[in-house]
């Protein structure tokens, strides 16, 4: 991934994920990474109650939960 020239990146098959048990900082980080660098935001498990509250309060949908990443390039946030 070229972090300085984003147009050089092919993000068609890129999925951003965080913790296996996603907390709020991980769930929000995948959204921000996908917005900045391209690709799709996903969670590896159901969002916790705090995260659900934050997304509802902000009028946003939580990222979709994905279980199979075998055909994707992965961007990992922490």
Protein backbone atom coordinates (compact mmCIF):
# COMPACT_ATOMS: atom_id res chain seq x y z
CA UNK A 1 0.00 0.00 0.00
CA UNK A 2 1.29 3.40 -0.98
CA UNK A 3 0.27 5.71 1.87
CA UNK A 4 1.59 8.85 0.19
CA UNK A 5 -0.04 8.48 -3.24
CA UNK A 6 -3.42 6.89 -2.61
CA UNK A 7 -4.33 6.81 -6.29
CA UNK A 8 -1.60 4.17 -6.78
CA UNK A 9 -3.57 1.68 -4.67
CA UNK A 10 -6.00 -0.89 -5.99
CA UNK A 11 -8.49 -1.18 -3.15
CA UNK A 12 -11.20 -3.15 -4.97
CA UNK A 13 -10.49 -6.24 -2.87
CA UNK A 14 -9.29 -4.58 0.35
CA UNK A 15 -11.12 -5.10 3.65
CA UNK A 16 -10.16 -3.23 6.83
CA UNK A 17 -10.60 -5.15 10.10
CA UNK A 18 -9.59 -4.77 13.73
CA UNK A 19 -9.92 -6.86 16.89
CA UNK A 20 -11.59 -10.29 16.89
CA UNK A 21 -13.92 -8.93 19.57
CA UNK A 22 -14.37 -5.43 18.16
CA UNK A 23 -14.56 -2.57 20.63
CA UNK A 24 -15.51 1.00 19.75
CA UNK A 25 -12.03 2.23 18.80
CA UNK A 26 -11.52 -0.76 16.50
CA UNK A 27 -14.97 -0.42 14.91
CA UNK A 28 -14.51 3.30 14.26
CA UNK A 29 -10.92 2.80 13.04
CA UNK A 30 -11.97 0.45 10.23
CA UNK A 31 -14.47 3.06 9.01
CA UNK A 32 -11.84 5.81 9.06
CA UNK A 33 -9.21 3.63 7.34
CA UNK A 34 -11.61 2.69 4.56
CA UNK A 35 -12.60 6.35 4.14
CA UNK A 36 -8.99 7.57 3.99
CA UNK A 37 -7.31 4.73 2.08
CA UNK A 38 -10.22 3.09 0.24
CA UNK A 39 -11.58 -0.41 0.57
CA UNK A 40 -14.36 -1.78 2.74
CA UNK A 41 -14.81 -1.56 6.51
CA UNK A 42 -15.76 -4.80 8.27
CA UNK A 43 -16.03 -6.22 11.76
CA UNK A 44 -14.85 -9.70 12.70
CA UNK A 45 -17.66 -10.06 15.24
CA UNK A 46 -20.82 -8.36 16.42
CA UNK A 47 -20.37 -4.78 17.62
CA UNK A 48 -20.53 -4.47 21.41
CA UNK A 49 -23.28 -2.41 23.14
CA UNK A 50 -21.05 0.67 23.50
CA UNK A 51 -20.20 0.60 19.79
CA UNK A 52 -23.85 0.13 18.84
CA UNK A 53 -24.72 3.17 20.98
CA UNK A 54 -22.03 5.28 19.28
CA UNK A 55 -23.17 4.30 15.78
CA UNK A 56 -26.82 4.92 16.65
CA UNK A 57 -26.01 8.26 18.30
CA UNK A 58 -24.08 9.34 15.19
CA UNK A 59 -26.81 8.11 12.84
CA UNK A 60 -24.48 5.56 11.23
CA UNK A 61 -24.72 1.88 10.47
CA UNK A 62 -22.07 -0.37 11.99
CA UNK A 63 -19.76 -2.05 9.48
CA UNK A 64 -20.94 -5.47 8.32
CA UNK A 65 -19.62 -8.56 10.07
CA UNK A 66 -17.42 -10.73 7.84
CA UNK A 67 -16.15 -14.19 8.69
CA UNK A 68 -14.34 -15.26 5.52
CA UNK A 69 -11.44 -13.12 4.33
CA UNK A 70 -9.77 -15.78 2.18
CA UNK A 71 -10.41 -13.94 -1.08
CA UNK A 72 -9.55 -10.45 0.20
CA UNK A 73 -6.53 -8.32 0.91
CA UNK A 74 -6.58 -7.32 4.57
CA UNK A 75 -5.83 -3.97 6.16
CA UNK A 76 -5.41 -4.37 9.93
CA UNK A 77 -6.08 -1.58 12.43
CA UNK A 78 -5.59 -1.69 16.18
